[in-house]
N, C-alpha and C. Protein backbone atom coordinates (compact mmCIF):
# COMPACT_ATOMS: atom_id res chain seq x y z
N MET A 1 115.18 -378.75 -150.12
CA MET A 1 113.91 -378.39 -149.50
C MET A 1 113.53 -376.97 -149.91
N THR A 2 112.30 -376.76 -150.20
CA THR A 2 111.80 -375.45 -150.60
C THR A 2 111.72 -374.53 -149.39
N HIS A 3 112.05 -373.27 -149.62
CA HIS A 3 111.97 -372.28 -148.55
C HIS A 3 111.07 -371.14 -149.02
N ILE A 4 110.14 -370.75 -148.18
CA ILE A 4 109.25 -369.63 -148.47
C ILE A 4 109.60 -368.50 -147.51
N GLU A 5 109.93 -367.36 -148.06
CA GLU A 5 110.28 -366.20 -147.24
C GLU A 5 109.04 -365.72 -146.49
N THR A 6 109.22 -365.44 -145.21
CA THR A 6 108.14 -364.90 -144.38
C THR A 6 108.68 -363.78 -143.50
N ILE A 7 107.78 -363.06 -142.90
CA ILE A 7 108.13 -362.03 -141.91
C ILE A 7 107.67 -362.57 -140.56
N SER A 8 108.61 -362.73 -139.66
CA SER A 8 108.26 -363.27 -138.34
C SER A 8 107.46 -362.24 -137.56
N PRO A 9 106.64 -362.67 -136.62
CA PRO A 9 105.84 -361.72 -135.84
C PRO A 9 106.70 -360.67 -135.12
N GLY A 10 107.88 -361.05 -134.66
CA GLY A 10 108.76 -360.10 -133.97
C GLY A 10 109.36 -359.04 -134.86
N LYS A 11 109.40 -359.28 -136.16
CA LYS A 11 109.98 -358.33 -137.11
C LYS A 11 108.93 -357.63 -137.97
N ALA A 12 107.68 -357.96 -137.77
CA ALA A 12 106.61 -357.40 -138.60
C ALA A 12 106.36 -355.93 -138.25
N THR A 13 106.05 -355.16 -139.27
CA THR A 13 105.69 -353.76 -139.10
C THR A 13 104.45 -353.48 -139.94
N GLY A 14 103.87 -352.31 -139.73
CA GLY A 14 102.75 -351.87 -140.55
C GLY A 14 101.58 -352.81 -140.57
N GLU A 15 101.05 -353.02 -141.78
CA GLU A 15 99.84 -353.82 -141.96
C GLU A 15 100.05 -355.28 -141.52
N THR A 16 101.24 -355.82 -141.78
CA THR A 16 101.52 -357.20 -141.37
C THR A 16 101.45 -357.33 -139.85
N ALA A 17 102.03 -356.38 -139.14
CA ALA A 17 101.98 -356.40 -137.67
C ALA A 17 100.55 -356.30 -137.17
N GLU A 18 99.74 -355.48 -137.82
CA GLU A 18 98.34 -355.33 -137.42
C GLU A 18 97.57 -356.64 -137.61
N VAL A 19 97.81 -357.32 -138.72
CA VAL A 19 97.12 -358.59 -138.95
C VAL A 19 97.58 -359.63 -137.94
N TYR A 20 98.86 -359.65 -137.62
CA TYR A 20 99.36 -360.56 -136.59
C TYR A 20 98.68 -360.27 -135.24
N LYS A 21 98.52 -358.99 -134.91
CA LYS A 21 97.84 -358.64 -133.65
C LYS A 21 96.40 -359.16 -133.64
N LYS A 22 95.73 -359.00 -134.76
CA LYS A 22 94.35 -359.50 -134.86
C LYS A 22 94.33 -361.01 -134.69
N ALA A 23 95.30 -361.69 -135.29
CA ALA A 23 95.35 -363.16 -135.18
C ALA A 23 95.56 -363.60 -133.73
N THR A 24 96.38 -362.88 -132.99
CA THR A 24 96.60 -363.25 -131.58
C THR A 24 95.36 -362.98 -130.75
N ARG A 25 94.64 -361.91 -131.05
CA ARG A 25 93.38 -361.65 -130.33
C ARG A 25 92.34 -362.70 -130.67
N MET A 26 92.29 -363.08 -131.93
CA MET A 26 91.30 -364.05 -132.39
C MET A 26 91.52 -365.42 -131.74
N SER A 27 92.78 -365.82 -131.62
CA SER A 27 93.07 -367.15 -131.08
C SER A 27 93.34 -367.13 -129.58
N ASP A 28 93.44 -365.94 -129.01
CA ASP A 28 93.75 -365.78 -127.59
C ASP A 28 95.09 -366.45 -127.25
N SER A 29 96.05 -366.33 -128.18
CA SER A 29 97.38 -366.91 -128.00
C SER A 29 98.40 -366.02 -128.70
N ALA A 30 99.59 -365.94 -128.15
CA ALA A 30 100.65 -365.15 -128.77
C ALA A 30 101.31 -365.91 -129.92
N LEU A 31 101.01 -367.19 -130.05
CA LEU A 31 101.61 -368.02 -131.09
C LEU A 31 100.96 -367.74 -132.44
N ILE A 32 101.78 -367.45 -133.44
CA ILE A 32 101.28 -367.28 -134.80
C ILE A 32 101.71 -368.51 -135.58
N PRO A 33 100.77 -369.38 -135.97
CA PRO A 33 101.14 -370.60 -136.68
C PRO A 33 101.89 -370.30 -137.98
N LYS A 34 102.78 -371.19 -138.36
CA LYS A 34 103.56 -371.02 -139.60
C LYS A 34 102.65 -370.92 -140.82
N ILE A 35 101.52 -371.61 -140.80
CA ILE A 35 100.60 -371.55 -141.93
C ILE A 35 100.08 -370.12 -142.13
N VAL A 36 99.95 -369.36 -141.05
CA VAL A 36 99.54 -367.95 -141.14
C VAL A 36 100.72 -367.11 -141.61
N GLN A 37 101.91 -367.39 -141.09
CA GLN A 37 103.10 -366.62 -141.46
C GLN A 37 103.43 -366.74 -142.95
N LEU A 38 102.97 -367.82 -143.59
CA LEU A 38 103.21 -367.98 -145.03
C LEU A 38 102.64 -366.81 -145.83
N PHE A 39 101.62 -366.16 -145.30
CA PHE A 39 100.96 -365.06 -146.00
C PHE A 39 101.53 -363.69 -145.61
N SER A 40 102.59 -363.66 -144.80
CA SER A 40 103.06 -362.41 -144.21
C SER A 40 103.55 -361.38 -145.23
N LEU A 41 103.99 -361.79 -146.39
CA LEU A 41 104.43 -360.83 -147.41
C LEU A 41 103.25 -360.18 -148.13
N ARG A 42 102.08 -360.74 -147.93
CA ARG A 42 100.85 -360.19 -148.52
C ARG A 42 99.79 -360.07 -147.42
N PRO A 43 99.89 -359.02 -146.60
CA PRO A 43 99.00 -358.90 -145.45
C PRO A 43 97.52 -358.86 -145.79
N ALA A 44 97.15 -358.32 -146.94
CA ALA A 44 95.73 -358.29 -147.30
C ALA A 44 95.22 -359.72 -147.52
N THR A 45 96.04 -360.56 -148.14
CA THR A 45 95.67 -361.96 -148.34
C THR A 45 95.64 -362.69 -147.00
N MET A 46 96.60 -362.39 -146.12
CA MET A 46 96.62 -363.00 -144.79
C MET A 46 95.35 -362.62 -144.03
N GLN A 47 94.93 -361.38 -144.15
CA GLN A 47 93.70 -360.92 -143.49
C GLN A 47 92.50 -361.69 -144.01
N MET A 48 92.41 -361.89 -145.34
CA MET A 48 91.28 -362.64 -145.91
C MET A 48 91.30 -364.09 -145.44
N MET A 49 92.48 -364.71 -145.40
CA MET A 49 92.59 -366.10 -144.95
C MET A 49 92.14 -366.23 -143.50
N LEU A 50 92.56 -365.30 -142.66
CA LEU A 50 92.15 -365.34 -141.26
C LEU A 50 90.65 -365.13 -141.11
N ARG A 51 90.09 -364.26 -141.91
CA ARG A 51 88.64 -364.01 -141.86
C ARG A 51 87.87 -365.27 -142.25
N LYS A 52 88.33 -365.97 -143.28
CA LYS A 52 87.66 -367.21 -143.68
C LYS A 52 87.78 -368.27 -142.60
N PHE A 53 88.96 -368.34 -141.97
CA PHE A 53 89.15 -369.28 -140.87
C PHE A 53 88.21 -368.93 -139.72
N GLU A 54 88.12 -367.64 -139.42
CA GLU A 54 87.25 -367.17 -138.34
C GLU A 54 85.80 -367.56 -138.61
N LEU A 55 85.34 -367.35 -139.83
CA LEU A 55 83.96 -367.70 -140.18
C LEU A 55 83.74 -369.20 -140.12
N ALA A 56 84.72 -369.97 -140.58
CA ALA A 56 84.57 -371.42 -140.58
C ALA A 56 84.57 -372.01 -139.18
N MET A 57 85.35 -371.42 -138.27
CA MET A 57 85.52 -372.04 -136.97
C MET A 57 84.66 -371.41 -135.86
N TRP A 58 84.25 -370.16 -136.02
CA TRP A 58 83.53 -369.53 -134.92
C TRP A 58 82.13 -369.04 -135.26
N ALA A 59 81.81 -368.84 -136.51
CA ALA A 59 80.48 -368.34 -136.86
C ALA A 59 79.49 -369.51 -136.94
N GLY A 60 78.23 -369.21 -136.80
CA GLY A 60 77.21 -370.24 -136.93
C GLY A 60 76.92 -370.94 -135.61
N ASN A 61 76.08 -371.96 -135.68
CA ASN A 61 75.64 -372.61 -134.45
C ASN A 61 76.13 -374.06 -134.31
N VAL A 62 76.99 -374.53 -135.22
CA VAL A 62 77.59 -375.86 -135.07
C VAL A 62 78.66 -375.76 -133.99
N PRO A 63 78.66 -376.66 -133.02
CA PRO A 63 79.66 -376.58 -131.94
C PRO A 63 81.09 -376.63 -132.49
N ARG A 64 81.97 -375.85 -131.88
CA ARG A 64 83.35 -375.78 -132.34
C ARG A 64 84.01 -377.15 -132.34
N GLN A 65 83.71 -377.97 -131.35
CA GLN A 65 84.31 -379.31 -131.29
C GLN A 65 83.97 -380.11 -132.55
N SER A 66 82.75 -379.97 -133.03
CA SER A 66 82.34 -380.68 -134.25
C SER A 66 83.11 -380.16 -135.45
N ARG A 67 83.29 -378.85 -135.53
CA ARG A 67 84.03 -378.25 -136.64
C ARG A 67 85.48 -378.71 -136.62
N GLU A 68 86.08 -378.75 -135.43
CA GLU A 68 87.45 -379.21 -135.29
C GLU A 68 87.57 -380.66 -135.73
N MET A 69 86.58 -381.48 -135.36
CA MET A 69 86.60 -382.89 -135.74
C MET A 69 86.54 -383.05 -137.26
N VAL A 70 85.67 -382.30 -137.91
CA VAL A 70 85.57 -382.36 -139.36
C VAL A 70 86.88 -381.89 -140.00
N ALA A 71 87.44 -380.79 -139.49
CA ALA A 71 88.69 -380.26 -140.04
C ALA A 71 89.81 -381.28 -139.89
N ALA A 72 89.89 -381.93 -138.74
CA ALA A 72 90.92 -382.95 -138.51
C ALA A 72 90.73 -384.14 -139.45
N ALA A 73 89.50 -384.56 -139.64
CA ALA A 73 89.23 -385.70 -140.52
C ALA A 73 89.59 -385.37 -141.97
N VAL A 74 89.23 -384.18 -142.42
CA VAL A 74 89.55 -383.77 -143.80
C VAL A 74 91.06 -383.67 -143.97
N SER A 75 91.75 -383.11 -142.98
CA SER A 75 93.22 -383.01 -143.06
C SER A 75 93.85 -384.39 -143.14
N ARG A 76 93.37 -385.29 -142.32
CA ARG A 76 93.91 -386.67 -142.35
C ARG A 76 93.63 -387.33 -143.69
N PHE A 77 92.43 -387.18 -144.20
CA PHE A 77 92.06 -387.75 -145.49
C PHE A 77 92.96 -387.22 -146.60
N ASN A 78 93.31 -385.92 -146.52
CA ASN A 78 94.15 -385.28 -147.53
C ASN A 78 95.65 -385.42 -147.23
N ASN A 79 95.99 -386.16 -146.18
CA ASN A 79 97.38 -386.35 -145.76
C ASN A 79 98.05 -385.00 -145.51
N CYS A 80 97.32 -384.11 -144.87
CA CYS A 80 97.80 -382.76 -144.55
C CYS A 80 98.13 -382.69 -143.07
N HIS A 81 99.31 -382.21 -142.74
CA HIS A 81 99.74 -382.15 -141.34
C HIS A 81 99.07 -381.03 -140.56
N TYR A 82 98.41 -380.10 -141.25
CA TYR A 82 97.74 -379.01 -140.57
C TYR A 82 96.32 -379.42 -140.28
């Protein structure tokens, strides 16, 4: 099985810790999903990924439930567990 090195939220420092803090504020949860932690070695990339997620899920006037439904359908179509 492939292993990707990450920095856990409890061990993060500097820019990575700051991006994790922003992610917890954005989601209103202390949980940092593994898909976000995959970017922990490159915090600038993690920041960009979170910003795109934020724009896709919270910006605009389409109801969030509709966006979640589309995201779930696309994930299922692509056989993606996320």
